[in-house]
Amino acid sequence: QSIWGKYIVMMDPLDGSSNIDVNVSIGTIFSIYRRKSKP
């Protein structure tokens, strides 16, 4: 069913990951678009 999906997602799954080992805040960034191609 995924080829019928209407959306695409762009993401940085773990921003600031170089700070993991020193316990500094990190995060996930995402954005959602409607696809341009035909479902």
PDB file of all heavy atoms in Angstrom:
ATOM      1  N   GLN A   1       0.809  -1.209   0.000  1.00  0.00           N
ATOM      2  CA  GLN A   1       0.000   0.000   0.000  1.00  0.00           C
ATOM      3  C   GLN A   1       0.844   1.261   0.000  1.00  0.00           C
ATOM      4  O   GLN A   1       0.344   2.344  -0.322  1.00  0.00           O
ATOM      5  CB  GLN A   1      -0.924   0.021   1.223  1.00  0.00           C
ATOM      6  CG  GLN A   1      -2.119  -0.912   1.108  1.00  0.00           C
ATOM      7  CD  GLN A   1      -3.062  -0.476  -0.004  1.00  0.00           C
ATOM      8  OE1 GLN A   1      -3.229  -1.169  -1.006  1.00  0.00           O
ATOM      9  NE2 GLN A   1      -3.643   0.695   0.153  1.00  0.00           N
ATOM     10  N   SER A   2       2.125   1.150   0.353  1.00  0.00           N
ATOM     11  CA  SER A   2       2.962   2.336   0.482  1.00  0.00           C
ATOM     12  C   SER A   2       3.086   3.120  -0.825  1.00  0.00           C
ATOM     13  O   SER A   2       3.246   4.342  -0.806  1.00  0.00           O
ATOM     14  CB  SER A   2       4.356   1.957   0.991  1.00  0.00           C
ATOM     15  OG  SER A   2       4.286   1.469   2.314  1.00  0.00           O
ATOM     16  N   ILE A   3       3.012   2.443  -1.965  1.00  0.00           N
ATOM     17  CA  ILE A   3       3.136   3.174  -3.228  1.00  0.00           C
ATOM     18  C   ILE A   3       1.920   4.069  -3.473  1.00  0.00           C
ATOM     19  O   ILE A   3       1.955   4.944  -4.329  1.00  0.00           O
ATOM     20  CB  ILE A   3       3.342   2.227  -4.430  1.00  0.00           C
ATOM     21  CG1 ILE A   3       2.134   1.305  -4.626  1.00  0.00           C
ATOM     22  CG2 ILE A   3       4.628   1.428  -4.275  1.00  0.00           C
ATOM     23  CD1 ILE A   3       2.217   0.495  -5.909  1.00  0.00           C
ATOM     24  N   TRP A   4       0.860   3.845  -2.688  1.00  0.00           N
ATOM     25  CA  TRP A   4      -0.319   4.701  -2.777  1.00  0.00           C
ATOM     26  C   TRP A   4      -0.246   5.836  -1.750  1.00  0.00           C
ATOM     27  O   TRP A   4      -1.144   6.678  -1.690  1.00  0.00           O
ATOM     28  CB  TRP A   4      -1.594   3.894  -2.575  1.00  0.00           C
ATOM     29  CG  TRP A   4      -1.838   2.925  -3.686  1.00  0.00           C
ATOM     30  CD1 TRP A   4      -1.489   1.610  -3.728  1.00  0.00           C
ATOM     31  CD2 TRP A   4      -2.470   3.203  -4.933  1.00  0.00           C
ATOM     32  NE1 TRP A   4      -1.852   1.048  -4.931  1.00  0.00           N
ATOM     33  CE2 TRP A   4      -2.467   2.008  -5.698  1.00  0.00           C
ATOM     34  CE3 TRP A   4      -3.041   4.351  -5.502  1.00  0.00           C
ATOM     35  CZ2 TRP A   4      -3.012   1.930  -6.969  1.00  0.00           C
ATOM     36  CZ3 TRP A   4      -3.584   4.270  -6.769  1.00  0.00           C
ATOM     37  CH2 TRP A   4      -3.565   3.066  -7.492  1.00  0.00           C
ATOM     38  N   GLY A   5       0.786   5.827  -0.930  1.00  0.00           N
ATOM     39  CA  GLY A   5       0.932   6.869   0.080  1.00  0.00           C
ATOM     40  C   GLY A   5       0.988   8.254  -0.544  1.00  0.00           C
ATOM     41  O   GLY A   5       1.594   8.451  -1.597  1.00  0.00           O
ATOM     42  N   LYS A   6       0.371   9.216   0.108  1.00  0.00           N
ATOM     43  CA  LYS A   6       0.290  10.578  -0.419  1.00  0.00           C
ATOM     44  C   LYS A   6       1.422  11.486   0.040  1.00  0.00           C
ATOM     45  O   LYS A   6       1.539  12.616  -0.428  1.00  0.00           O
ATOM     46  CB  LYS A   6      -1.051  11.206  -0.011  1.00  0.00           C
ATOM     47  CG  LYS A   6      -2.285  10.507  -0.560  1.00  0.00           C
ATOM     48  CD  LYS A   6      -3.539  11.198  -0.068  1.00  0.00           C
ATOM     49  CE  LYS A   6      -4.794  10.509  -0.591  1.00  0.00           C
ATOM     50  NZ  LYS A   6      -6.026  11.178  -0.089  1.00  0.00           N
ATOM     51  N   TYR A   7       2.243  10.991   0.958  1.00  0.00           N
ATOM     52  CA  TYR A   7       3.229  11.867   1.577  1.00  0.00           C
ATOM     53  C   TYR A   7       4.652  11.331   1.448  1.00  0.00           C
ATOM     54  O   TYR A   7       4.871  10.140   1.298  1.00  0.00           O
ATOM     55  CB  TYR A   7       2.908  12.042   3.063  1.00  0.00           C
ATOM     56  CG  TYR A   7       1.552  12.649   3.314  1.00  0.00           C
ATOM     57  CD1 TYR A   7       0.451  11.833   3.581  1.00  0.00           C
ATOM     58  CD2 TYR A   7       1.351  14.018   3.263  1.00  0.00           C
ATOM     59  CE1 TYR A   7      -0.805  12.375   3.788  1.00  0.00           C
ATOM     60  CE2 TYR A   7       0.095  14.563   3.481  1.00  0.00           C
ATOM     61  CZ  TYR A   7      -0.974  13.743   3.741  1.00  0.00           C
ATOM     62  OH  TYR A   7      -2.220  14.273   3.955  1.00  0.00           O
ATOM     63  N   ILE A   8       5.597  12.268   1.544  1.00  0.00           N
ATOM     64  CA  ILE A   8       7.000  11.900   1.700  1.00  0.00           C
ATOM     65  C   ILE A   8       7.509  12.623   2.947  1.00  0.00           C
ATOM     66  O   ILE A   8       6.986  13.679   3.314  1.00  0.00           O
ATOM     67  CB  ILE A   8       7.863  12.223   0.454  1.00  0.00           C
ATOM     68  CG1 ILE A   8       7.994  13.733   0.258  1.00  0.00           C
ATOM     69  CG2 ILE A   8       7.305  11.567  -0.770  1.00  0.00           C
ATOM     70  CD1 ILE A   8       9.300  14.287   0.739  1.00  0.00           C
ATOM     71  N   VAL A   9       8.503  12.036   3.589  1.00  0.00           N
ATOM     72  CA  VAL A   9       9.071  12.605   4.810  1.00  0.00           C
ATOM     73  C   VAL A   9      10.561  12.828   4.619  1.00  0.00           C
ATOM     74  O   VAL A   9      11.271  11.959   4.111  1.00  0.00           O
ATOM     75  CB  VAL A   9       8.831  11.674   6.022  1.00  0.00           C
ATOM     76  CG1 VAL A   9       9.590  12.182   7.252  1.00  0.00           C
ATOM     77  CG2 VAL A   9       7.342  11.564   6.329  1.00  0.00           C
ATOM     78  N   MET A  10      11.032  13.992   5.030  1.00  0.00           N
ATOM     79  CA  MET A  10      12.456  14.303   5.066  1.00  0.00           C
ATOM     80  C   MET A  10      12.845  14.391   6.533  1.00  0.00           C
ATOM     81  O   MET A  10      12.097  14.954   7.346  1.00  0.00           O
ATOM     82  CB  MET A  10      12.745  15.630   4.368  1.00  0.00           C
ATOM     83  CG  MET A  10      12.199  15.721   2.950  1.00  0.00           C
ATOM     84  SD  MET A  10      13.008  14.610   1.793  1.00  0.00           S
ATOM     85  CE  MET A  10      14.569  15.449   1.553  1.00  0.00           C
ATOM     86  N   MET A  11      14.027  13.858   6.900  1.00  0.00           N
ATOM     87  CA  MET A  11      14.357  13.853   8.327  1.00  0.00           C
ATOM     88  C   MET A  11      15.855  13.827   8.601  1.00  0.00           C
ATOM     89  O   MET A  11      16.659  13.333   7.803  1.00  0.00           O
ATOM     90  CB  MET A  11      13.704  12.652   9.007  1.00  0.00           C
ATOM     91  CG  MET A  11      14.233  11.313   8.529  1.00  0.00           C
ATOM     92  SD  MET A  11      13.463   9.935   9.394  1.00  0.00           S
ATOM     93  CE  MET A  11      14.338   8.545   8.654  1.00  0.00           C
ATOM     94  N   ASP A  12      16.185  14.402   9.744  1.00  0.00           N
ATOM     95  CA  ASP A  12      17.483  14.209  10.383  1.00  0.00           C
ATOM     96  C   ASP A  12      17.161  13.378  11.615  1.00  0.00           C
ATOM     97  O   ASP A  12      16.656  13.901  12.607  1.00  0.00           O
ATOM     98  CB  ASP A  12      18.101  15.554  10.780  1.00  0.00           C
ATOM     99  CG  ASP A  12      19.459  15.390  11.443  1.00  0.00           C
ATOM    100  OD1 ASP A  12      19.837  14.242  11.750  1.00  0.00           O
ATOM    101  OD2 ASP A  12      20.137  16.409  11.679  1.00  0.00           O
ATOM    102  N   PRO A  13      17.389  12.071  11.575  1.00  0.00           N
ATOM    103  CA  PRO A  13      16.913  11.187  12.642  1.00  0.00           C
ATOM    104  C   PRO A  13      17.491  11.492  14.012  1.00  0.00           C
ATOM    105  O   PRO A  13      16.826  11.299  15.022  1.00  0.00           O
ATOM    106  CB  PRO A  13      17.328   9.786  12.192  1.00  0.00           C
ATOM    107  CG  PRO A  13      17.974   9.920  10.881  1.00  0.00           C
ATOM    108  CD  PRO A  13      18.066  11.350  10.500  1.00  0.00           C
ATOM    109  N   LEU A  14      18.735  11.989  14.057  1.00  0.00           N
ATOM    110  CA  LEU A  14      19.330  12.306  15.358  1.00  0.00           C
ATOM    111  C   LEU A  14      20.311  13.461  15.199  1.00  0.00           C
ATOM    112  O   LEU A  14      21.504  13.261  14.987  1.00  0.00           O
ATOM    113  CB  LEU A  14      20.015  11.088  15.972  1.00  0.00           C
ATOM    114  CG  LEU A  14      20.044  11.070  17.509  1.00  0.00           C
ATOM    115  CD1 LEU A  14      18.645  11.110  18.096  1.00  0.00           C
ATOM    116  CD2 LEU A  14      20.770   9.841  18.013  1.00  0.00           C
ATOM    117  N   ASP A  15      19.785  14.657  15.311  1.00  0.00           N
ATOM    118  CA  ASP A  15      20.603  15.864  15.202  1.00  0.00           C
ATOM    119  C   ASP A  15      21.444  16.049  16.459  1.00  0.00           C
ATOM    120  O   ASP A  15      20.983  15.820  17.576  1.00  0.00           O
ATOM    121  CB  ASP A  15      19.682  17.081  15.023  1.00  0.00           C
ATOM    122  CG  ASP A  15      20.445  18.386  15.049  1.00  0.00           C
ATOM    123  OD1 ASP A  15      21.079  18.704  14.038  1.00  0.00           O
ATOM    124  OD2 ASP A  15      20.419  19.068  16.098  1.00  0.00           O
ATOM    125  N   GLY A  16      22.702  16.460  16.267  1.00  0.00           N
ATOM    126  CA  GLY A  16      23.589  16.695  17.405  1.00  0.00           C
ATOM    127  C   GLY A  16      24.146  15.430  18.012  1.00  0.00           C
ATOM    128  O   GLY A  16      24.544  15.408  19.182  1.00  0.00           O
ATOM    129  N   SER A  17      24.203  14.363  17.224  1.00  0.00           N
ATOM    130  CA  SER A  17      24.567  13.049  17.772  1.00  0.00           C
ATOM    131  C   SER A  17      25.997  12.989  18.306  1.00  0.00           C
ATOM    132  O   SER A  17      26.323  12.116  19.103  1.00  0.00           O
ATOM    133  CB  SER A  17      24.374  11.957  16.717  1.00  0.00           C
ATOM    134  OG  SER A  17      25.129  12.239  15.554  1.00  0.00           O
ATOM    135  N   SER A  18      26.855  13.933  17.917  1.00  0.00           N
ATOM    136  CA  SER A  18      28.204  13.950  18.463  1.00  0.00           C
ATOM    137  C   SER A  18      28.200  14.273  19.956  1.00  0.00           C
ATOM    138  O   SER A  18      29.197  14.076  20.655  1.00  0.00           O
ATOM    139  CB  SER A  18      29.082  14.966  17.717  1.00  0.00           C
ATOM    140  OG  SER A  18      28.561  16.273  17.863  1.00  0.00           O
ATOM    141  N   ASN A  19      27.061  14.771  20.445  1.00  0.00           N
ATOM    142  CA  ASN A  19      26.934  15.120  21.866  1.00  0.00           C
ATOM    143  C   ASN A  19      26.357  13.985  22.718  1.00  0.00           C
ATOM    144  O   ASN A  19      26.183  14.152  23.930  1.00  0.00           O
ATOM    145  CB  ASN A  19      26.037  16.353  22.025  1.00  0.00           C
ATOM    146  CG  ASN A  19      26.701  17.622  21.521  1.00  0.00           C
ATOM    147  OD1 ASN A  19      27.852  17.879  21.814  1.00  0.00           O
ATOM    148  ND2 ASN A  19      25.956  18.405  20.760  1.00  0.00           N
ATOM    149  N   ILE A  20      26.056  12.847  22.092  1.00  0.00           N
ATOM    150  CA  ILE A  20      25.434  11.746  22.819  1.00  0.00           C
ATOM    151  C   ILE A  20      26.263  11.322  24.020  1.00  0.00           C
ATOM    152  O   ILE A  20      25.760  11.187  25.142  1.00  0.00           O
ATOM    153  CB  ILE A  20      25.220  10.534  21.887  1.00  0.00           C
ATOM    154  CG1 ILE A  20      24.164  10.847  20.821  1.00  0.00           C
ATOM    155  CG2 ILE A  20      24.795   9.299  22.690  1.00  0.00           C
ATOM    156  CD1 ILE A  20      24.094   9.808  19.720  1.00  0.00           C
ATOM    157  N   ASP A  21      27.550  11.127  23.787  1.00  0.00           N
ATOM    158  CA  ASP A  21      28.415  10.568  24.831  1.00  0.00           C
ATOM    159  C   ASP A  21      28.665  11.519  25.997  1.00  0.00           C
ATOM    160  O   ASP A  21      29.173  11.097  27.040  1.00  0.00           O
ATOM    161  CB  ASP A  21      29.757  10.145  24.230  1.00  0.00           C
ATOM    162  CG  ASP A  21      29.610   8.973  23.279  1.00  0.00           C
ATOM    163  OD1 ASP A  21      28.494   8.440  23.165  1.00  0.00           O
ATOM    164  OD2 ASP A  21      30.610   8.596  22.641  1.00  0.00           O
ATOM    165  N   VAL A  22      28.316  12.804  25.837  1.00  0.00           N
ATOM    166  CA  VAL A  22      28.548  13.767  26.922  1.00  0.00           C
ATOM    167  C   VAL A  22      27.229  14.292  27.502  1.00  0.00           C
ATOM    168  O   VAL A  22      27.206  15.287  28.220  1.00  0.00           O
ATOM    169  CB  VAL A  22      29.440  14.942  26.448  1.00  0.00           C
ATOM    170  CG1 VAL A  22      30.827  14.447  26.138  1.00  0.00           C
ATOM    171  CG2 VAL A  22      28.839  15.637  25.225  1.00  0.00           C
ATOM    172  N   ASN A  23      26.125  13.606  27.169  1.00  0.00           N
ATOM    173  CA  ASN A  23      24.826  13.874  27.800  1.00  0.00           C
ATOM    174  C   ASN A  23      24.286  15.280  27.542  1.00  0.00           C
ATOM    175  O   ASN A  23      23.703  15.906  28.422  1.00  0.00           O
ATOM    176  CB  ASN A  23      24.911  13.622  29.313  1.00  0.00           C
ATOM    177  CG  ASN A  23      23.557  13.283  29.912  1.00  0.00           C
ATOM    178  OD1 ASN A  23      22.651  12.854  29.211  1.00  0.00           O
ATOM    179  ND2 ASN A  23      23.409  13.493  31.211  1.00  0.00           N
ATOM    180  N   VAL A  24      24.503  15.782  26.313  1.00  0.00           N
ATOM    181  CA  VAL A  24      23.943  17.063  25.899  1.00  0.00           C
ATOM    182  C   VAL A  24      22.693  16.799  25.077  1.00  0.00           C
ATOM    183  O   VAL A  24      22.600  15.793  24.368  1.00  0.00           O
ATOM    184  CB  VAL A  24      24.982  17.861  25.074  1.00  0.00           C
ATOM    185  CG1 VAL A  24      24.352  19.095  24.448  1.00  0.00           C
ATOM    186  CG2 VAL A  24      26.159  18.255  25.955  1.00  0.00           C
ATOM    187  N   SER A  25      21.720  17.691  25.168  1.00  0.00           N
ATOM    188  CA  SER A  25      20.452  17.507  24.461  1.00  0.00           C
ATOM    189  C   SER A  25      20.662  17.305  22.963  1.00  0.00           C
ATOM    190  O   SER A  25      21.458  18.007  22.330  1.00  0.00           O
ATOM    191  CB  SER A  25      19.549  18.723  24.684  1.00  0.00           C
ATOM    192  OG  SER A  25      19.209  18.853  26.041  1.00  0.00           O
ATOM    193  N   ILE A  26      19.940  16.346  22.404  1.00  0.00           N
ATOM    194  CA  ILE A  26      19.968  16.053  20.977  1.00  0.00           C
ATOM    195  C   ILE A  26      18.525  15.985  20.481  1.00  0.00           C
ATOM    196  O   ILE A  26      17.590  16.169  21.265  1.00  0.00           O
ATOM    197  CB  ILE A  26      20.700  14.724  20.688  1.00  0.00           C
ATOM    198  CG1 ILE A  26      20.092  13.589  21.529  1.00  0.00           C
ATOM    199  CG2 ILE A  26      22.185  14.873  20.991  1.00  0.00           C
ATOM    200  CD1 ILE A  26      20.761  12.250  21.326  1.00  0.00           C
ATOM    201  N   GLY A  27      18.312  15.731  19.201  1.00  0.00           N
ATOM    202  CA  GLY A  27      16.934  15.744  18.723  1.00  0.00           C
ATOM    203  C   GLY A  27      16.723  15.069  17.386  1.00  0.00           C
ATOM    204  O   GLY A  27      17.674  14.634  16.729  1.00  0.00           O
ATOM    205  N   THR A  28      15.478  14.995  16.990  1.00  0.00           N
ATOM    206  CA  THR A  28      15.051  14.487  15.687  1.00  0.00           C
ATOM    207  C   THR A  28      14.300  15.607  14.980  1.00  0.00           C
ATOM    208  O   THR A  28      13.450  16.259  15.588  1.00  0.00           O
ATOM    209  CB  THR A  28      14.113  13.277  15.851  1.00  0.00           C
ATOM    210  OG1 THR A  28      14.808  12.207  16.496  1.00  0.00           O
ATOM    211  CG2 THR A  28      13.584  12.802  14.500  1.00  0.00           C
ATOM    212  N   ILE A  29      14.622  15.852  13.712  1.00  0.00           N
ATOM    213  CA  ILE A  29      13.948  16.891  12.921  1.00  0.00           C
ATOM    214  C   ILE A  29      13.246  16.224  11.742  1.00  0.00           C
ATOM    215  O   ILE A  29      13.820  15.353  11.100  1.00  0.00           O
ATOM    216  CB  ILE A  29      14.957  17.932  12.396  1.00  0.00           C
ATOM    217  CG1 ILE A  29      15.802  18.501  13.541  1.00  0.00           C
ATOM    218  CG2 ILE A  29      14.229  19.062  11.675  1.00  0.00           C
ATOM    219  CD1 ILE A  29      16.934  19.413  13.069  1.00  0.00           C
ATOM    220  N   PHE A  30      12.014  16.638  11.465  1.00  0.00           N
ATOM    221  CA  PHE A  30      11.279  16.031  10.356  1.00  0.00           C
ATOM    222  C   PHE A  30      10.428  17.064   9.623  1.00  0.00           C
ATOM    223  O   PHE A  30      10.050  18.105  10.173  1.00  0.00           O
ATOM    224  CB  PHE A  30      10.378  14.892  10.864  1.00  0.00           C
ATOM    225  CG  PHE A  30       9.274  15.343  11.784  1.00  0.00           C
ATOM    226  CD1 PHE A  30       8.034  15.714  11.294  1.00  0.00           C
ATOM    227  CD2 PHE A  30       9.483  15.387  13.164  1.00  0.00           C
ATOM    228  CE1 PHE A  30       7.012  16.131  12.146  1.00  0.00           C
ATOM    229  CE2 PHE A  30       8.477  15.800  14.032  1.00  0.00           C
ATOM    230  CZ  PHE A  30       7.227  16.174  13.516  1.00  0.00           C
ATOM    231  N   SER A  31      10.148  16.764   8.371  1.00  0.00           N
ATOM    232  CA  SER A  31       9.220  17.579   7.574  1.00  0.00           C
ATOM    233  C   SER A  31       8.417  16.664   6.666  1.00  0.00           C
ATOM    234  O   SER A  31       8.887  15.597   6.272  1.00  0.00           O
ATOM    235  CB  SER A  31       9.973  18.637   6.757  1.00  0.00           C
ATOM    236  OG  SER A  31      10.970  18.040   5.953  1.00  0.00           O
ATOM    237  N   ILE A  32       7.204  17.095   6.357  1.00  0.00           N
ATOM    238  CA  ILE A  32       6.258  16.281   5.589  1.00  0.00           C
ATOM    239  C   ILE A  32       5.744  17.072   4.389  1.00  0.00           C
ATOM    240  O   ILE A  32       5.317  18.222   4.527  1.00  0.00           O
ATOM    241  CB  ILE A  32       5.061  15.860   6.479  1.00  0.00           C
ATOM    242  CG1 ILE A  32       5.557  15.095   7.715  1.00  0.00           C
ATOM    243  CG2 ILE A  32       4.067  15.012   5.685  1.00  0.00           C
ATOM    244  CD1 ILE A  32       4.464  14.851   8.758  1.00  0.00           C
ATOM    245  N   TYR A  33       5.817  16.442   3.220  1.00  0.00           N
ATOM    246  CA  TYR A  33       5.306  17.039   1.977  1.00  0.00           C
ATOM    247  C   TYR A  33       4.262  16.117   1.352  1.00  0.00           C
ATOM    248  O   TYR A  33       4.284  14.910   1.560  1.00  0.00           O
ATOM    249  CB  TYR A  33       6.425  17.206   0.948  1.00  0.00           C
ATOM    250  CG  TYR A  33       7.509  18.187   1.294  1.00  0.00           C
ATOM    251  CD1 TYR A  33       8.609  17.793   2.051  1.00  0.00           C
ATOM    252  CD2 TYR A  33       7.463  19.497   0.836  1.00  0.00           C
ATOM    253  CE1 TYR A  33       9.626  18.690   2.342  1.00  0.00           C
ATOM    254  CE2 TYR A  33       8.477  20.402   1.121  1.00  0.00           C
ATOM    255  CZ  TYR A  33       9.551  19.992   1.874  1.00  0.00           C
ATOM    256  OH  TYR A  33      10.565  20.872   2.168  1.00  0.00           O
ATOM    257  N   ARG A  34       3.386  16.696   0.529  1.00  0.00           N
ATOM    258  CA  ARG A  34       2.561  15.877  -0.334  1.00  0.00           C
ATOM    259  C   ARG A  34       3.380  15.514  -1.568  1.00  0.00           C
ATOM    260  O   ARG A  34       4.127  16.340  -2.092  1.00  0.00           O
ATOM    261  CB  ARG A  34       1.314  16.633  -0.783  1.00  0.00           C
ATOM    262  CG  ARG A  34       0.220  16.723   0.274  1.00  0.00           C
ATOM    263  CD  ARG A  34      -1.096  17.065  -0.425  1.00  0.00           C
ATOM    264  NE  ARG A  34      -1.924  18.116   0.063  1.00  0.00           N
ATOM    265  CZ  ARG A  34      -1.603  19.261   0.636  1.00  0.00           C
ATOM    266  NH1 ARG A  34      -0.419  19.552   0.850  1.00  0.00           N
ATOM    267  NH2 ARG A  34      -2.435  20.132   0.995  1.00  0.00           N
ATOM    268  N   ARG A  35       3.251  14.296  -2.009  1.00  0.00           N
ATOM    269  CA  ARG A  35       4.002  13.860  -3.184  1.00  0.00           C
ATOM    270  C   ARG A  35       3.550  14.609  -4.426  1.00  0.00           C
ATOM    271  O   ARG A  35       2.376  15.027  -4.534  1.00  0.00           O
ATOM    272  CB  ARG A  35       3.865  12.350  -3.381  1.00  0.00           C
ATOM    273  CG  ARG A  35       2.482  11.907  -3.820  1.00  0.00           C
ATOM    274  CD  ARG A  35       2.355  10.395  -3.903  1.00  0.00           C
ATOM    275  NE  ARG A  35       3.286   9.800  -4.860  1.00  0.00           N
ATOM    276  CZ  ARG A  35       3.446   8.497  -5.034  1.00  0.00           C
ATOM    277  NH1 ARG A  35       2.735   7.631  -4.303  1.00  0.00           N
ATOM    278  NH2 ARG A  35       4.294   8.029  -5.927  1.00  0.00           N
ATOM    279  N   LYS A  36       4.426  14.741  -5.404  1.00  0.00           N
ATOM    280  CA  LYS A  36       4.106  15.358  -6.689  1.00  0.00           C
ATOM    281  C   LYS A  36       3.737  14.305  -7.730  1.00  0.00           C
ATOM    282  O   LYS A  36       2.930  14.556  -8.623  1.00  0.00           O
ATOM    283  CB  LYS A  36       5.310  16.166  -7.188  1.00  0.00           C
ATOM    284  CG  LYS A  36       5.680  17.352  -6.316  1.00  0.00           C
ATOM    285  CD  LYS A  36       4.647  18.451  -6.399  1.00  0.00           C
ATOM    286  CE  LYS A  36       5.120  19.697  -5.660  1.00  0.00           C
ATOM    287  NZ  LYS A  36       4.128  20.786  -5.687  1.00  0.00           N
ATOM    288  N   SER A  37       4.349  13.133  -7.630  1.00  0.00           N
ATOM    289  CA  SER A  37       4.094  12.062  -8.593  1.00  0.00           C
ATOM    290  C   SER A  37       2.728  11.421  -8.330  1.00  0.00           C
ATOM    291  O   SER A  37       2.106  11.641  -7.289  1.00  0.00           O
ATOM    292  CB  SER A  37       5.195  11.008  -8.520  1.00  0.00           C
ATOM    293  OG  SER A  37       5.282  10.460  -7.212  1.00  0.00           O
ATOM    294  N   LYS A  38       2.298  10.608  -9.247  1.00  0.00           N
ATOM    295  CA  LYS A  38       0.975  10.000  -9.173  1.00  0.00           C
ATOM    296  C   LYS A  38       0.950   8.859  -8.149  1.00  0.00           C
ATOM    297  O   LYS A  38       1.792   7.961  -8.180  1.00  0.00           O
ATOM    298  CB  LYS A  38       0.577   9.459 -10.551  1.00  0.00           C
ATOM    299  CG  LYS A  38      -0.837   8.882 -10.609  1.00  0.00           C
ATOM    300  CD  LYS A  38      -1.144   8.408 -12.019  1.00  0.00           C
ATOM    301  CE  LYS A  38      -2.538   7.811 -12.088  1.00  0.00           C
ATOM    302  NZ  LYS A  38      -2.851   7.326 -13.459  1.00  0.00           N
ATOM    303  N   PRO A  39      -0.013   8.867  -7.202  1.00  0.00           N
ATOM    304  CA  PRO A  39      -0.148   7.743  -6.261  1.00  0.00           C
ATOM    305  C   PRO A  39      -0.328   6.430  -7.009  1.00  0.00           C
ATOM    306  O   PRO A  39      -1.013   6.366  -8.036  1.00  0.00           O
ATOM    307  CB  PRO A  39      -1.404   8.111  -5.465  1.00  0.00           C
ATOM    308  CG  PRO A  39      -1.474   9.601  -5.529  1.00  0.00           C
ATOM    309  CD  PRO A  39      -0.981   9.953  -6.906  1.00  0.00           C
TER     310      PRO A  39
END
